[in-house]
């Protein structure tokens, strides 16, 4: 499972990039985007989705997590990300 938290002050848009066949399920929730993967090869993979900011400001996006659902010792994470949103007038 790979979970990417969504910053406060943003929400996901309905459109997401194509899966390219490497993950089996994508779920967009209120606080995160999750993808389910049955098998990972030793190759770099990525997925993306669109966020729509609803409030200007600096938002902290917590690290994304990758973990084996039935083996909690197998896990990894990304770093935190700062998202700065400015109000266009």
N, C-alpha and C. Protein backbone atom coordinates (compact mmCIF):
# COMPACT_ATOMS: atom_id res chain seq x y z
N UNK A 1 0.86 -1.17 0.00
CA UNK A 1 0.00 0.00 0.00
C UNK A 1 0.90 1.22 0.00
N UNK A 2 0.52 2.22 -0.78
CA UNK A 2 1.22 3.50 -0.79
C UNK A 2 0.17 4.56 -0.50
N UNK A 3 0.46 5.41 0.50
CA UNK A 3 -0.48 6.46 0.88
C UNK A 3 0.22 7.81 0.85
N UNK A 4 -0.39 8.75 0.15
CA UNK A 4 0.13 10.12 0.05
C UNK A 4 -0.86 11.05 0.75
N UNK A 5 -0.47 11.63 1.89
CA UNK A 5 -1.37 12.54 2.60
C UNK A 5 -1.68 13.78 1.77
N UNK A 6 -2.82 14.36 2.02
CA UNK A 6 -3.25 15.57 1.35
C UNK A 6 -3.19 16.71 2.36
N UNK A 7 -2.63 17.84 1.96
CA UNK A 7 -2.49 18.98 2.86
C UNK A 7 -3.84 19.57 3.21
N UNK A 8 -3.94 20.11 4.43
CA UNK A 8 -5.11 20.88 4.81
C UNK A 8 -5.17 22.07 3.85
N UNK A 9 -6.34 22.51 3.52
CA UNK A 9 -6.48 23.63 2.59
C UNK A 9 -6.40 23.22 1.13
N UNK A 10 -6.46 21.91 0.85
CA UNK A 10 -6.47 21.42 -0.53
C UNK A 10 -7.48 20.28 -0.63
N UNK A 11 -7.84 19.94 -1.84
CA UNK A 11 -8.62 18.72 -2.06
C UNK A 11 -8.21 18.14 -3.40
N UNK A 12 -8.45 16.86 -3.58
CA UNK A 12 -8.07 16.20 -4.83
C UNK A 12 -9.11 16.48 -5.90
N UNK A 13 -8.64 16.52 -7.12
CA UNK A 13 -9.55 16.67 -8.26
C UNK A 13 -9.91 15.28 -8.76
N UNK A 14 -10.97 15.19 -9.50
CA UNK A 14 -11.47 13.89 -9.96
C UNK A 14 -10.53 13.20 -10.92
N UNK A 15 -9.74 13.95 -11.67
CA UNK A 15 -8.89 13.30 -12.67
C UNK A 15 -7.56 12.89 -12.07
N UNK A 16 -7.11 11.71 -12.41
CA UNK A 16 -5.80 11.23 -11.98
C UNK A 16 -5.08 10.68 -13.21
N UNK A 17 -3.77 10.57 -13.11
CA UNK A 17 -2.99 10.05 -14.23
C UNK A 17 -3.28 8.58 -14.45
N UNK A 18 -2.93 8.10 -15.62
CA UNK A 18 -3.12 6.69 -15.96
C UNK A 18 -2.26 5.80 -15.08
N UNK A 19 -2.75 4.62 -14.80
CA UNK A 19 -2.05 3.70 -13.90
C UNK A 19 -0.85 3.03 -14.55
N UNK A 20 -0.78 2.99 -15.86
CA UNK A 20 0.30 2.28 -16.56
C UNK A 20 0.39 0.82 -16.14
N UNK A 21 -0.64 0.29 -15.51
CA UNK A 21 -0.69 -1.12 -15.18
C UNK A 21 0.15 -1.57 -13.99
N UNK A 22 0.81 -0.67 -13.27
CA UNK A 22 1.67 -1.13 -12.18
C UNK A 22 0.98 -1.16 -10.84
N UNK A 23 -0.16 -0.50 -10.68
CA UNK A 23 -0.92 -0.64 -9.43
C UNK A 23 -2.34 -1.05 -9.76
N UNK A 24 -2.99 -1.67 -8.77
CA UNK A 24 -4.29 -2.28 -9.02
C UNK A 24 -5.48 -1.42 -8.63
N UNK A 25 -5.31 -0.54 -7.65
CA UNK A 25 -6.45 0.24 -7.16
C UNK A 25 -5.99 1.59 -6.67
N UNK A 26 -6.76 2.63 -6.96
CA UNK A 26 -6.49 3.98 -6.49
C UNK A 26 -7.72 4.49 -5.76
N UNK A 27 -7.53 5.02 -4.55
CA UNK A 27 -8.64 5.58 -3.78
C UNK A 27 -8.29 7.00 -3.39
N UNK A 28 -9.18 7.93 -3.69
CA UNK A 28 -9.00 9.31 -3.27
C UNK A 28 -9.91 9.54 -2.07
N UNK A 29 -9.28 9.79 -0.94
CA UNK A 29 -10.03 10.02 0.30
C UNK A 29 -9.91 11.48 0.70
N UNK A 30 -10.59 11.88 1.77
CA UNK A 30 -10.55 13.27 2.22
C UNK A 30 -9.16 13.69 2.68
N UNK A 31 -8.40 12.78 3.27
CA UNK A 31 -7.12 13.15 3.86
C UNK A 31 -5.91 12.52 3.17
N UNK A 32 -6.12 11.66 2.17
CA UNK A 32 -4.99 11.00 1.51
C UNK A 32 -5.44 10.34 0.20
N UNK A 33 -4.43 10.04 -0.61
CA UNK A 33 -4.64 9.23 -1.82
C UNK A 33 -3.91 7.93 -1.57
N UNK A 34 -4.58 6.81 -1.78
CA UNK A 34 -3.99 5.50 -1.54
C UNK A 34 -4.00 4.69 -2.83
N UNK A 35 -2.92 3.94 -3.02
CA UNK A 35 -2.91 2.98 -4.11
C UNK A 35 -2.51 1.62 -3.56
N UNK A 36 -3.14 0.60 -4.10
CA UNK A 36 -2.84 -0.77 -3.70
C UNK A 36 -1.99 -1.42 -4.80
N UNK A 37 -0.94 -2.08 -4.37
CA UNK A 37 -0.01 -2.74 -5.28
C UNK A 37 0.15 -4.18 -4.82
N UNK A 38 -0.03 -5.14 -5.70
CA UNK A 38 0.13 -6.53 -5.29
C UNK A 38 1.57 -6.99 -5.35
N UNK A 39 2.37 -6.37 -6.24
CA UNK A 39 3.77 -6.78 -6.35
C UNK A 39 4.59 -5.61 -6.87
N UNK A 40 5.74 -5.36 -6.24
CA UNK A 40 6.64 -4.31 -6.69
C UNK A 40 7.94 -4.91 -7.18
N UNK A 41 8.33 -4.51 -8.34
CA UNK A 41 9.64 -4.92 -8.85
C UNK A 41 10.67 -3.89 -8.40
N UNK A 42 11.92 -4.22 -8.55
CA UNK A 42 12.99 -3.32 -8.15
C UNK A 42 13.24 -2.28 -9.25
N UNK A 43 12.21 -1.46 -9.50
CA UNK A 43 12.28 -0.41 -10.51
C UNK A 43 11.62 0.84 -9.92
N UNK A 44 12.07 1.99 -10.36
CA UNK A 44 11.46 3.22 -9.88
C UNK A 44 10.07 3.38 -10.48
N UNK A 45 9.11 3.70 -9.64
CA UNK A 45 7.72 3.92 -10.07
C UNK A 45 7.24 5.25 -9.51
N UNK A 46 6.26 5.82 -10.15
CA UNK A 46 5.65 7.05 -9.62
C UNK A 46 4.18 7.07 -9.98
N UNK A 47 3.42 7.83 -9.22
CA UNK A 47 2.04 8.10 -9.56
C UNK A 47 1.77 9.55 -9.17
N UNK A 48 0.79 10.14 -9.80
CA UNK A 48 0.51 11.54 -9.51
C UNK A 48 -1.00 11.76 -9.53
N UNK A 49 -1.39 12.86 -8.92
CA UNK A 49 -2.78 13.27 -8.88
C UNK A 49 -2.79 14.78 -8.76
N UNK A 50 -3.94 15.38 -9.01
CA UNK A 50 -4.05 16.83 -8.96
C UNK A 50 -4.66 17.28 -7.64
N UNK A 51 -4.06 18.34 -7.08
CA UNK A 51 -4.60 18.98 -5.89
C UNK A 51 -5.13 20.35 -6.27
N UNK A 52 -6.22 20.72 -5.66
CA UNK A 52 -6.74 22.06 -5.86
C UNK A 52 -6.68 22.79 -4.51
N UNK A 53 -5.90 23.86 -4.41
CA UNK A 53 -5.83 24.60 -3.16
C UNK A 53 -7.15 25.35 -2.93
N UNK A 54 -7.58 25.39 -1.70
CA UNK A 54 -8.80 26.12 -1.35
C UNK A 54 -8.51 27.33 -0.48
N UNK A 55 -7.29 27.40 0.08
CA UNK A 55 -6.90 28.51 0.95
C UNK A 55 -5.46 28.90 0.68
N UNK A 56 -5.17 30.21 0.61
CA UNK A 56 -3.77 30.61 0.48
C UNK A 56 -3.03 30.35 1.80
N UNK A 57 -1.70 30.24 1.70
CA UNK A 57 -0.88 30.02 2.88
C UNK A 57 0.17 28.97 2.62
N UNK A 58 0.92 28.64 3.67
CA UNK A 58 1.93 27.60 3.59
C UNK A 58 1.36 26.35 4.24
N UNK A 59 1.32 25.27 3.50
CA UNK A 59 0.73 24.03 3.97
C UNK A 59 1.81 22.95 4.04
N UNK A 60 1.84 22.23 5.14
CA UNK A 60 2.77 21.12 5.31
C UNK A 60 2.11 19.84 4.83
N UNK A 61 2.76 19.17 3.90
CA UNK A 61 2.26 17.87 3.44
C UNK A 61 3.15 16.81 4.08
N UNK A 62 2.56 15.98 4.86
CA UNK A 62 3.30 14.96 5.60
C UNK A 62 3.88 13.93 4.63
N UNK A 63 4.87 13.16 5.07
CA UNK A 63 5.51 12.18 4.19
C UNK A 63 4.54 11.13 3.66
N UNK A 64 4.80 10.72 2.42
CA UNK A 64 4.07 9.59 1.84
C UNK A 64 4.63 8.32 2.49
N UNK A 65 3.78 7.32 2.62
CA UNK A 65 4.18 6.05 3.23
C UNK A 65 3.99 4.91 2.24
N UNK A 66 4.92 3.99 2.25
CA UNK A 66 4.80 2.75 1.49
C UNK A 66 5.00 1.62 2.48
N UNK A 67 4.08 0.67 2.50
CA UNK A 67 4.18 -0.41 3.49
C UNK A 67 3.51 -1.67 3.00
N UNK A 68 4.00 -2.79 3.50
CA UNK A 68 3.38 -4.08 3.23
C UNK A 68 2.25 -4.25 4.25
N UNK A 69 1.04 -4.43 3.79
CA UNK A 69 -0.11 -4.47 4.69
C UNK A 69 -0.03 -5.57 5.74
N UNK A 70 0.55 -6.70 5.41
CA UNK A 70 0.56 -7.82 6.34
C UNK A 70 1.95 -8.09 6.91
N UNK A 71 2.89 -7.19 6.69
CA UNK A 71 4.24 -7.31 7.25
C UNK A 71 4.70 -5.91 7.66
N UNK A 72 4.32 -5.45 8.85
CA UNK A 72 4.57 -4.06 9.27
C UNK A 72 6.05 -3.67 9.33
N UNK A 73 6.98 -4.64 9.32
CA UNK A 73 8.40 -4.31 9.35
C UNK A 73 8.91 -3.84 8.00
N UNK A 74 8.16 -4.06 6.96
CA UNK A 74 8.55 -3.63 5.60
C UNK A 74 7.82 -2.34 5.27
N UNK A 75 8.54 -1.22 5.40
CA UNK A 75 7.92 0.08 5.17
C UNK A 75 8.97 1.12 4.84
N UNK A 76 8.54 2.20 4.25
CA UNK A 76 9.42 3.31 3.93
C UNK A 76 8.59 4.58 3.81
N UNK A 77 9.26 5.72 3.73
CA UNK A 77 8.53 6.98 3.62
C UNK A 77 9.36 7.99 2.84
N UNK A 78 8.68 9.02 2.39
CA UNK A 78 9.33 10.14 1.72
C UNK A 78 9.61 11.21 2.77
N UNK A 79 10.03 12.36 2.31
CA UNK A 79 10.19 13.50 3.21
C UNK A 79 8.92 14.35 3.24
N UNK A 80 8.90 15.32 4.14
CA UNK A 80 7.79 16.27 4.20
C UNK A 80 7.93 17.25 3.04
N UNK A 81 6.82 17.84 2.63
CA UNK A 81 6.82 18.78 1.51
C UNK A 81 6.08 20.04 1.94
N UNK A 82 6.62 21.20 1.61
CA UNK A 82 5.95 22.47 1.90
C UNK A 82 5.29 22.97 0.62
N UNK A 83 4.01 23.29 0.72
CA UNK A 83 3.25 23.81 -0.41
C UNK A 83 2.87 25.26 -0.08
N UNK A 84 3.33 26.19 -0.88
CA UNK A 84 3.00 27.60 -0.68
C UNK A 84 1.97 28.01 -1.72
N UNK A 85 0.84 28.50 -1.25
CA UNK A 85 -0.25 28.92 -2.13
C UNK A 85 -0.46 30.41 -1.92
N UNK A 86 -0.40 31.16 -3.03
CA UNK A 86 -0.61 32.61 -2.94
C UNK A 86 -1.96 32.95 -3.57
N UNK A 87 -2.58 33.96 -3.02
CA UNK A 87 -3.88 34.41 -3.50
C UNK A 87 -3.67 35.33 -4.69
N UNK A 88 -4.27 35.00 -5.83
CA UNK A 88 -4.19 35.86 -7.01
C UNK A 88 -5.30 36.91 -6.93
N UNK A 89 -4.91 38.14 -7.07
CA UNK A 89 -5.92 39.22 -7.01
C UNK A 89 -5.96 39.98 -8.28
